[in-house]
Protein backbone atom coordinates (compact mmCIF):
# COMPACT_ATOMS: atom_id res chain seq x y z
CA UNK A 1 4.30 19.31 9.74
CA UNK A 2 1.69 21.73 8.45
CA UNK A 3 2.77 20.94 4.88
CA UNK A 4 2.17 17.23 5.55
CA UNK A 5 -1.14 17.67 7.39
CA UNK A 6 -2.78 19.88 4.75
CA UNK A 7 -3.05 17.26 1.97
CA UNK A 8 -3.91 14.58 4.55
CA UNK A 9 -6.95 16.65 5.49
CA UNK A 10 -7.93 16.93 1.83
CA UNK A 11 -7.55 13.18 1.23
CA UNK A 12 -8.82 11.89 4.58
CA UNK A 13 -11.51 9.81 2.85
CA UNK A 14 -9.03 7.68 0.91
CA UNK A 15 -8.62 3.98 1.61
CA UNK A 16 -8.21 0.68 -0.27
CA UNK A 17 -9.80 -2.75 -0.06
CA UNK A 18 -6.57 -4.36 1.17
CA UNK A 19 -6.72 -2.24 4.32
CA UNK A 20 -9.92 -4.08 5.26
CA UNK A 21 -8.15 -7.39 4.72
CA UNK A 22 -5.63 -6.46 7.41
CA UNK A 23 -8.47 -5.18 9.59
CA UNK A 24 -10.32 -8.52 9.36
CA UNK A 25 -7.20 -10.44 10.36
CA UNK A 26 -6.90 -8.07 13.34
CA UNK A 27 -10.56 -8.71 14.24
CA UNK A 28 -9.93 -12.47 14.22
CA UNK A 29 -6.92 -11.96 16.46
CA UNK A 30 -9.04 -9.89 18.84
CA UNK A 31 -11.74 -12.58 18.96
CA UNK A 32 -9.23 -15.34 19.67
CA UNK A 33 -9.56 -17.03 16.26
CA UNK A 34 -5.88 -16.44 15.50
CA UNK A 35 -3.86 -15.02 12.61
CA UNK A 36 -6.48 -15.83 9.97
CA UNK A 37 -8.59 -14.05 7.38
CA UNK A 38 -11.45 -16.53 7.87
CA UNK A 39 -12.09 -17.59 11.46
CA UNK A 40 -12.22 -21.24 10.37
CA UNK A 41 -9.65 -20.88 7.58
CA UNK A 42 -5.90 -21.47 7.49
CA UNK A 43 -3.33 -19.39 9.35
CA UNK A 44 -2.28 -16.89 6.69
CA UNK A 45 -0.42 -13.57 6.46
CA UNK A 46 -2.59 -12.32 3.57
CA UNK A 47 -1.48 -8.82 2.48
CA UNK A 48 -0.71 -7.98 6.08
CA UNK A 49 2.92 -7.13 6.97
CA UNK A 50 3.92 -9.47 9.76
CA UNK A 51 2.84 -7.87 13.03
CA UNK A 52 0.63 -5.11 11.57
CA UNK A 53 -2.54 -7.02 12.46
CA UNK A 54 -1.20 -7.44 16.00
CA UNK A 55 -0.84 -3.65 16.28
CA UNK A 56 -4.47 -3.21 15.18
CA UNK A 57 -5.93 -6.06 17.25
CA UNK A 58 -6.52 -3.96 20.43
CA UNK A 59 -8.82 -1.73 18.38
CA UNK A 60 -10.60 -4.57 16.53
CA UNK A 61 -12.94 -5.86 19.22
CA UNK A 62 -15.86 -4.33 17.37
CA UNK A 63 -14.84 -5.80 14.01
CA UNK A 64 -12.83 -4.73 10.97
CA UNK A 65 -14.20 -1.18 10.68
CA UNK A 66 -12.95 0.07 14.08
CA UNK A 67 -9.57 -1.52 13.27
CA UNK A 68 -9.50 0.33 9.95
CA UNK A 69 -10.27 3.65 11.65
CA UNK A 70 -7.46 3.06 14.15
CA UNK A 71 -5.05 2.21 11.32
CA UNK A 72 -5.93 5.41 9.47
CA UNK A 73 -5.39 7.54 12.58
CA UNK A 74 -2.12 5.79 13.41
CA UNK A 75 -0.75 6.29 9.90
CA UNK A 76 -1.65 9.99 9.93
CA UNK A 77 -0.08 10.55 13.37
CA UNK A 78 3.13 8.73 12.46
CA UNK A 79 3.65 10.59 9.20
CA UNK A 80 2.73 13.93 10.81
CA UNK A 81 5.28 13.38 13.58
CA UNK A 82 7.93 12.25 11.09
CA UNK A 83 7.28 15.34 8.97
CA UNK A 84 7.85 17.53 12.05
CA UNK A 85 11.18 15.77 12.65
CA UNK A 86 12.11 16.12 8.97
CA UNK A 87 11.35 19.83 9.11
CA UNK A 88 13.83 20.22 11.94
CA UNK A 89 16.45 18.42 9.86
CA UNK A 90 15.79 20.78 6.95
CA UNK A 91 16.31 23.71 9.30
CA UNK A 92 19.78 22.42 10.24
CA UNK A 93 20.99 22.20 6.62
CA UNK A 94 22.03 25.82 6.20
CA UNK A 95 20.99 29.45 6.53
CA UNK A 96 19.19 30.32 3.27
CA UNK A 97 15.43 30.43 3.61
CA UNK A 98 14.98 28.97 0.16
CA UNK A 99 16.03 25.56 1.52
CA UNK A 100 12.41 25.22 2.67
CA UNK A 101 11.04 25.59 -0.87
CA UNK A 102 10.71 21.79 -1.34
CA UNK A 103 7.98 21.88 1.31
CA UNK A 104 5.75 23.61 -1.25
CA UNK A 105 5.55 20.28 -3.08
CA UNK A 106 4.93 18.39 0.16
CA UNK A 107 1.91 20.63 0.80
CA UNK A 108 0.26 19.42 -2.43
CA UNK A 109 1.67 15.87 -2.54
CA UNK A 110 -1.12 13.33 -2.93
CA UNK A 111 0.84 10.02 -2.62
CA UNK A 112 2.39 10.75 0.78
CA UNK A 113 -0.86 12.11 2.21
CA UNK A 114 -3.21 9.50 0.76
CA UNK A 115 -1.16 6.52 1.87
CA UNK A 116 -0.67 7.95 5.34
CA UNK A 117 -4.46 7.91 5.91
CA UNK A 118 -5.37 4.84 3.81
CA UNK A 119 -5.43 2.42 6.75
CA UNK A 120 -2.51 0.31 5.58
CA UNK A 121 0.92 0.18 7.17
CA UNK A 122 2.35 2.72 4.69
CA UNK A 123 2.11 5.74 6.99
CA UNK A 124 4.10 3.95 9.69
CA UNK A 125 6.63 2.64 7.15
CA UNK A 126 7.06 6.16 5.74
CA UNK A 127 7.77 7.46 9.24
CA UNK A 128 10.35 4.70 9.82
CA UNK A 129 12.09 5.47 6.51
CA UNK A 130 12.15 9.15 7.44
CA UNK A 131 13.74 8.51 10.85
CA UNK A 132 16.42 6.51 9.05
CA UNK A 133 17.79 9.83 7.78
CA UNK A 134 19.28 10.47 11.23
CA UNK A 135 22.26 8.34 10.19
CA UNK A 136 22.46 6.87 13.69
CA UNK A 137 22.08 3.25 14.81
CA UNK A 138 18.41 3.69 15.67
CA UNK A 139 17.84 5.15 12.22
CA UNK A 140 19.39 2.05 10.65
CA UNK A 141 17.14 -0.12 12.79
CA UNK A 142 14.11 1.96 11.79
CA UNK A 143 14.65 1.43 8.08
CA UNK A 144 15.34 -2.24 8.84
CA UNK A 145 11.91 -2.60 10.45
CA UNK A 146 10.38 -0.80 7.47
CA UNK A 147 12.07 -3.28 5.14
CA UNK A 148 10.80 -6.19 7.22
CA UNK A 149 7.24 -4.94 6.70
CA UNK A 150 7.73 -3.99 3.05
CA UNK A 151 10.24 -6.38 1.38
CA UNK A 152 10.73 -4.13 -1.67
CA UNK A 153 12.42 -1.63 0.69
CA UNK A 154 15.24 -4.08 1.52
CA UNK A 155 17.63 -2.79 -1.22
CA UNK A 156 16.90 0.78 -0.11
CA UNK A 157 17.72 -0.09 3.51
CA UNK A 158 20.87 -2.03 2.62
CA UNK A 159 22.25 0.94 0.66
CA UNK A 160 20.99 3.78 2.87
CA UNK A 161 21.99 2.71 6.38
CA UNK A 162 25.70 1.97 5.78
CA UNK A 163 25.89 4.82 3.26
CA UNK A 164 24.73 7.37 5.83
CA UNK A 165 27.10 5.91 8.43
CA UNK A 166 29.97 6.24 5.99
CA UNK A 167 28.90 9.79 5.14
CA UNK A 168 29.01 10.71 8.83
CA UNK A 169 32.62 9.50 9.01
CA UNK A 170 31.85 6.23 10.77
CA UNK A 171 34.46 3.51 11.09
CA UNK A 172 34.23 0.22 9.24
CA UNK A 173 32.83 -1.34 12.36
CA UNK A 174 30.06 1.27 12.60
CA UNK A 175 29.25 0.97 8.90
CA UNK A 176 29.01 -2.83 9.23
CA UNK A 177 26.82 -2.49 12.33
CA UNK A 178 24.40 -0.15 10.54
CA UNK A 179 24.25 -2.53 7.59
CA UNK A 180 23.46 -5.43 9.91
CA UNK A 181 20.74 -3.45 11.70
CA UNK A 182 19.20 -2.58 8.34
CA UNK A 183 18.94 -6.16 7.10
CA UNK A 184 18.47 -8.26 10.27
CA UNK A 185 14.75 -7.47 10.85
CA UNK A 186 13.93 -8.70 7.34
CA UNK A 187 15.90 -11.92 7.96
CA UNK A 188 14.08 -12.52 11.25
CA UNK A 189 10.73 -11.82 9.63
CA UNK A 190 11.50 -14.23 6.80
CA UNK A 191 12.40 -16.95 9.29
CA UNK A 192 9.19 -16.38 11.25
CA UNK A 193 7.15 -16.46 8.04
CA UNK A 194 8.78 -19.72 6.99
CA UNK A 195 8.03 -21.28 10.38
CA UNK A 196 4.45 -20.03 10.72
CA UNK A 197 3.18 -19.75 7.15
CA UNK A 198 5.52 -22.13 5.31
CA UNK A 199 7.02 -19.48 3.02
CA UNK A 200 9.72 -16.83 3.42
CA UNK A 201 7.92 -14.47 1.02
CA UNK A 202 4.52 -12.88 1.76
CA UNK A 203 1.52 -14.59 0.19
CA UNK A 204 0.90 -11.54 -2.01
CA UNK A 205 4.15 -12.29 -3.89
CA UNK A 206 2.60 -15.54 -5.13
CA UNK A 207 -0.89 -14.12 -5.66
CA UNK A 208 0.35 -11.12 -7.65
CA UNK A 209 3.15 -12.25 -9.98
CA UNK A 210 5.49 -9.51 -11.17
CA UNK A 211 5.51 -7.93 -14.62
CA UNK A 212 8.77 -6.25 -15.63
CA UNK A 213 7.12 -4.05 -18.27
CA UNK A 214 4.57 -2.76 -15.79
CA UNK A 215 7.36 -2.16 -13.28
CA UNK A 216 9.23 0.08 -15.73
CA UNK A 217 6.07 2.06 -16.50
CA UNK A 218 5.21 2.34 -12.79
CA UNK A 219 8.60 3.77 -11.82
CA UNK A 220 8.73 6.14 -14.80
CA UNK A 221 5.29 7.53 -13.95
CA UNK A 222 6.23 7.89 -10.28
CA UNK A 223 9.35 9.89 -11.11
CA UNK A 224 7.14 12.41 -12.90
CA UNK A 225 3.85 12.56 -11.02
CA UNK A 226 5.02 12.36 -7.42
CA UNK A 227 6.74 15.71 -8.02
CA UNK A 228 9.51 15.33 -5.46
CA UNK A 229 12.07 13.39 -7.61
CA UNK A 230 12.26 16.38 -9.95
CA UNK A 231 13.86 18.37 -7.12
CA UNK A 232 17.00 16.22 -7.03
CA UNK A 233 17.68 16.29 -10.79
CA UNK A 234 20.68 18.59 -10.42
CA UNK A 235 23.77 16.50 -11.22
CA UNK A 236 26.33 19.35 -10.98
CA UNK A 237 25.11 20.45 -7.55
CA UNK A 238 24.80 16.86 -6.28
CA UNK A 239 28.52 16.32 -6.93
CA UNK A 240 29.30 19.05 -4.38
CA UNK A 241 27.01 17.71 -1.66
CA UNK A 242 28.21 15.72 1.38
CA UNK A 243 28.45 11.95 0.96
CA UNK A 244 25.31 11.32 3.01
CA UNK A 245 23.13 12.94 0.34
CA UNK A 246 24.76 10.91 -2.40
CA UNK A 247 23.99 7.83 -0.29
CA UNK A 248 20.33 8.88 -0.19
CA UNK A 249 20.20 9.18 -3.96
CA UNK A 250 21.94 5.81 -4.38
CA UNK A 251 19.40 4.23 -2.04
CA UNK A 252 16.52 5.78 -3.95
CA UNK A 253 17.97 4.42 -7.20
CA UNK A 254 18.20 0.95 -5.65
CA UNK A 255 14.57 1.25 -4.57
CA UNK A 256 13.46 2.16 -8.09
CA UNK A 257 15.28 -0.86 -9.51
CA UNK A 258 13.62 -3.07 -6.90
CA UNK A 259 10.18 -1.76 -7.92
CA UNK A 260 10.93 -2.46 -11.57
CA UNK A 261 11.82 -6.06 -10.72
CA UNK A 262 8.77 -6.35 -8.44
CA UNK A 263 6.51 -5.27 -11.30
CA UNK A 264 5.25 -2.09 -9.65
CA UNK A 265 1.85 -2.05 -8.01
CA UNK A 266 -1.78 -2.09 -9.15
CA UNK A 267 -2.92 0.47 -6.55
CA UNK A 268 -3.19 4.15 -7.43
CA UNK A 269 -1.09 7.03 -6.10
CA UNK A 270 2.26 5.20 -6.11
CA UNK A 271 2.02 3.39 -2.78
CA UNK A 272 5.39 1.66 -3.11
CA UNK A 273 7.27 4.91 -3.80
CA UNK A 274 5.71 7.00 -1.03
CA UNK A 275 7.86 5.75 1.91
CA UNK A 276 11.14 6.91 0.34
CA UNK A 277 9.98 10.33 -0.89
CA UNK A 278 10.82 12.15 2.39
CA UNK A 279 14.50 11.24 1.96
CA UNK A 280 14.49 13.09 -1.36
CA UNK A 281 13.03 16.15 0.38
CA UNK A 282 16.07 16.27 2.63
CA UNK A 283 18.49 16.06 -0.30
CA UNK A 284 16.37 18.52 -2.28
CA UNK A 285 16.72 21.04 0.55
CA UNK A 286 20.49 20.59 0.48
CA UNK A 287 20.52 21.11 -3.29
CA UNK A 288 18.35 24.21 -2.90
CA UNK A 289 20.72 25.59 -0.27
CA UNK A 290 23.85 25.00 -2.36
CA UNK A 291 22.62 25.38 -5.95
CA UNK A 292 21.72 28.37 -8.11
CA UNK A 293 18.41 30.06 -7.32
CA UNK A 294 16.96 30.09 -10.85
CA UNK A 295 17.47 26.37 -11.38
CA UNK A 296 15.88 25.73 -8.01
CA UNK A 297 12.85 27.82 -8.93
CA UNK A 298 12.40 25.87 -12.17
CA UNK A 299 12.60 22.49 -10.44
CA UNK A 300 10.20 23.51 -7.67
CA UNK A 301 7.75 24.91 -10.23
CA UNK A 302 7.86 21.69 -12.30
CA UNK A 303 7.42 19.54 -9.20
CA UNK A 304 4.51 21.64 -7.95
CA UNK A 305 2.76 21.53 -11.32
CA UNK A 306 3.03 17.73 -11.51
CA UNK A 307 1.85 17.32 -7.91
CA UNK A 308 -1.07 19.71 -8.28
CA UNK A 309 -2.21 18.05 -11.51
CA UNK A 310 -2.20 14.63 -9.82
CA UNK A 311 -3.99 16.00 -6.76
CA UNK A 312 -6.67 17.80 -8.77
CA UNK A 313 -7.19 14.78 -11.02
CA UNK A 314 -7.53 12.12 -8.32
CA UNK A 315 -8.57 13.93 -5.12
CA UNK A 316 -12.33 14.04 -5.82
CA UNK A 317 -12.55 10.29 -6.37
CA UNK A 318 -9.90 9.37 -3.80
CA UNK A 319 -11.49 11.25 -0.92
CA UNK A 320 -14.85 9.50 -1.47
CA UNK A 321 -13.51 5.93 -1.37
CA UNK A 322 -14.09 5.34 2.35
CA UNK A 323 -17.60 6.78 2.21
CA UNK A 324 -18.47 4.61 -0.79
CA UNK A 325 -16.99 1.50 0.82
CA UNK A 326 -18.89 2.11 4.05
CA UNK A 327 -22.20 2.52 2.16
CA UNK A 328 -21.41 -0.63 0.17
CA UNK A 329 -20.76 -2.62 3.34
CA UNK A 330 -23.98 -1.39 4.96
CA UNK A 331 -26.06 -2.27 1.90
CA UNK A 332 -24.51 -5.75 1.64
CA UNK A 333 -24.88 -6.72 5.31
CA UNK A 334 -28.58 -7.71 5.17
CA UNK A 335 -28.08 -9.52 1.86
CA UNK A 336 -25.23 -11.60 3.31
CA UNK A 337 -26.83 -12.21 6.69
CA UNK A 338 -27.49 -15.90 6.00
CA UNK A 339 -24.40 -16.52 3.90
CA UNK A 340 -22.04 -19.34 4.85
CA UNK A 341 -19.46 -19.17 2.04
CA UNK A 342 -19.10 -16.15 -0.22
CA UNK A 343 -16.87 -16.12 -3.33
CA UNK A 344 -15.36 -12.76 -4.33
CA UNK A 345 -12.28 -11.06 -5.76
CA UNK A 346 -12.53 -7.87 -3.67
CA UNK A 347 -12.52 -9.71 -0.36
CA UNK A 348 -11.74 -6.73 1.90
CA UNK A 349 -15.13 -5.03 1.95
CA UNK A 350 -16.96 -8.36 1.62
CA UNK A 351 -15.14 -9.60 4.72
CA UNK A 352 -16.24 -6.47 6.58
CA UNK A 353 -19.89 -7.02 5.56
CA UNK A 354 -20.17 -10.62 6.77
CA UNK A 355 -18.65 -13.04 9.26
CA UNK A 356 -19.12 -15.87 6.79
CA UNK A 357 -16.16 -17.63 5.19
CA UNK A 358 -14.96 -15.58 2.21
CA UNK A 359 -13.61 -17.63 -0.70
CA UNK A 360 -10.84 -15.46 -2.12
CA UNK A 361 -10.78 -15.68 -5.92
CA UNK A 362 -7.64 -13.48 -6.08
CA UNK A 363 -5.51 -15.61 -3.74
CA UNK A 364 -4.19 -12.85 -1.48
CA UNK A 365 -5.69 -14.61 1.56
CA UNK A 366 -5.85 -18.18 0.23
CA UNK A 367 -2.59 -20.14 -0.22
CA UNK A 368 -4.17 -22.69 -2.58
CA UNK A 369 -5.57 -20.03 -4.92
CA UNK A 370 -2.41 -17.89 -4.73
CA UNK A 371 -0.32 -20.53 -6.52
CA UNK A 372 -2.80 -20.98 -9.40
CA UNK A 373 -1.75 -19.64 -12.84
CA UNK A 374 -2.76 -16.06 -13.69
CA UNK A 375 -2.72 -12.65 -12.06
CA UNK A 376 -4.64 -11.77 -8.92
CA UNK A 377 -7.79 -10.97 -10.93
CA UNK A 378 -7.36 -13.72 -13.51
CA UNK A 379 -6.67 -16.88 -11.52
CA UNK A 380 -7.55 -19.99 -13.52
CA UNK A 381 -9.75 -21.92 -11.13
CA UNK A 382 -10.80 -25.44 -12.10
CA UNK A 383 -14.33 -26.42 -13.15
CA UNK A 384 -15.46 -27.73 -9.75
CA UNK A 385 -13.90 -25.03 -7.60
CA UNK A 386 -17.09 -23.33 -6.31
CA UNK A 387 -18.88 -26.62 -5.66
CA UNK A 388 -15.90 -28.09 -3.83
CA UNK A 389 -15.66 -24.97 -1.65
CA UNK A 390 -19.38 -25.08 -0.83
CA UNK A 391 -20.08 -21.58 -2.17
CA UNK A 392 -23.66 -20.36 -1.57
CA UNK A 393 -23.10 -16.65 -2.40
CA UNK A 394 -20.91 -14.84 -4.94
CA UNK A 395 -20.05 -11.18 -5.50
CA UNK A 396 -19.15 -10.05 -9.03
CA UNK A 397 -18.02 -6.58 -10.13
CA UNK A 398 -19.60 -4.97 -13.18
CA UNK A 399 -17.60 -2.27 -15.03
CA UNK A 400 -18.71 1.38 -15.19
CA UNK A 401 -21.85 1.83 -17.29
CA UNK A 402 -22.60 -1.90 -17.59
CA UNK A 403 -26.17 -3.01 -17.00
CA UNK A 404 -27.64 -6.34 -15.98
CA UNK A 405 -28.61 -8.33 -19.06
CA UNK A 406 -31.33 -10.92 -19.45
CA UNK A 407 -30.38 -13.64 -18.79
CA UNK A 408 -27.98 -12.31 -16.17
CA UNK A 409 -25.02 -14.47 -17.18
CA UNK A 410 -24.70 -12.54 -20.45
CA UNK A 411 -23.72 -9.42 -18.50
CA UNK A 412 -20.21 -7.99 -18.60
CA UNK A 413 -17.97 -8.37 -15.55
CA UNK A 414 -14.69 -6.66 -14.68
CA UNK A 415 -12.35 -9.50 -13.79
CA UNK A 416 -11.25 -12.45 -15.92
CA UNK A 417 -11.74 -14.94 -13.10
CA UNK A 418 -15.36 -13.86 -12.79
CA UNK A 419 -16.14 -15.29 -16.23
CA UNK A 420 -15.25 -18.70 -14.82
CA UNK A 421 -17.37 -17.99 -11.75
CA UNK A 422 -20.38 -17.18 -13.94
CA UNK A 423 -20.26 -20.57 -15.66
CA UNK A 424 -19.95 -22.43 -12.36
CA UNK A 425 -22.64 -20.30 -10.71
CA UNK A 426 -25.18 -21.41 -13.33
CA UNK A 427 -24.42 -25.04 -12.56
CA UNK A 428 -24.81 -24.44 -8.81
CA UNK A 429 -28.07 -22.56 -9.23
CA UNK A 430 -26.80 -19.19 -8.06
CA UNK A 431 -28.96 -16.29 -9.22
CA UNK A 432 -28.91 -12.48 -8.79
CA UNK A 433 -30.60 -11.10 -5.70
CA UNK A 434 -29.18 -7.57 -5.49
CA UNK A 435 -27.17 -4.92 -7.30
CA UNK A 436 -24.97 -2.82 -5.04
CA UNK A 437 -23.78 0.48 -6.56
CA UNK A 438 -20.37 1.91 -5.60
CA UNK A 439 -21.12 5.58 -4.98
CA UNK A 440 -21.07 7.70 -8.13
CA UNK A 441 -18.38 5.64 -9.85
CA UNK A 442 -20.80 3.87 -12.20
CA UNK A 443 -19.56 0.50 -10.93
CA UNK A 444 -21.96 -2.06 -9.49
CA UNK A 445 -21.49 -5.29 -7.59
CA UNK A 446 -23.87 -8.09 -8.48
CA UNK A 447 -24.74 -10.36 -5.56
CA UNK A 448 -25.63 -13.96 -6.37
CA UNK A 449 -27.31 -16.40 -4.00
CA UNK A 450 -28.20 -20.06 -4.21
CA UNK A 451 -31.88 -20.78 -4.74
């Protein structure tokens, strides 16, 4: 538990814009507006795992920011408690003290820590995937719930739950039961989504189309920089381990293949890999207990080096994200006070800065934009999109080091869809009224308003 808490304390300031999307949906639930991103908009699941906004709603009476704080605390508590339970499991694996060596990597692991405190559901999902290692029926149900919240975990759950039951010597009936418990929550969630939102898949699947090449790169990078996978690269020792550990490795392999097909993820610090890393710690401890000491020392050293390099490289910027986002929201609030409809790509912080309707140019909260051609930052909106949506404000992101040109529409902007917004903004008479810097990142948001 101490090994898990230490990096969480270092990275406590980390969050992402999508966490504020979930928080705004929770705020609308708390106010009685329903499961919506915009209070007058369509019922939509956005990037929110089904039910996550309901969990946050009791804390969202004061708006998205209190909901985000509650989500961050909940994620940290869940992962901390799961790490304590995992530590007990490591203690039961044998008698050699060196079986605890994998915890050295946990103590400097940025992905697990950052995503536990980010304010998304990842900390809770990681805890559920960790409890699945019990091999019991409630463990199978735990990983099933995790898969219902994160669909890319479904292959992992389908392999892990019956595999662990088989490894524990369970009968065919028990193995089948565990498999059913692992997959049934995802089936129920899909049915509810189809009934409520009109689609079995989350809206983000449509808004962010997959890219196989990026998926391969994402998984390859995760295998190196998360540090923990290096610990289980011991094929000769793995062959001598109990079947349950081979089931864990098979489930992890299935998860990696699923991430390749899903196209990886655009967020930093390997969010989609983090929930399954604790399972590798358990197998790594078994390998350390049974394998030769020198090989163990080499693997632990390599894993620690990779983890420390990632932590040192990203921690300074990662831990300042929440502070920068909060300052950005505070500076935008007076500028958006009279806004009715605001167009933006990064809708999370914009939605926390105003109660106005936010026109989502990325499609993660807008079903009509989600199905448009292009990626989530390059949607090809038609020529009359802004006028038809009644946009009176727009927020555009300028890349690091870019300055506002004269005339303003000759400036450089970060996202492809924003180039289309610029052309339509000129026709609508939108003009710059403020530049909002993002901490010390060199990035600036340009706020446009109708004359």
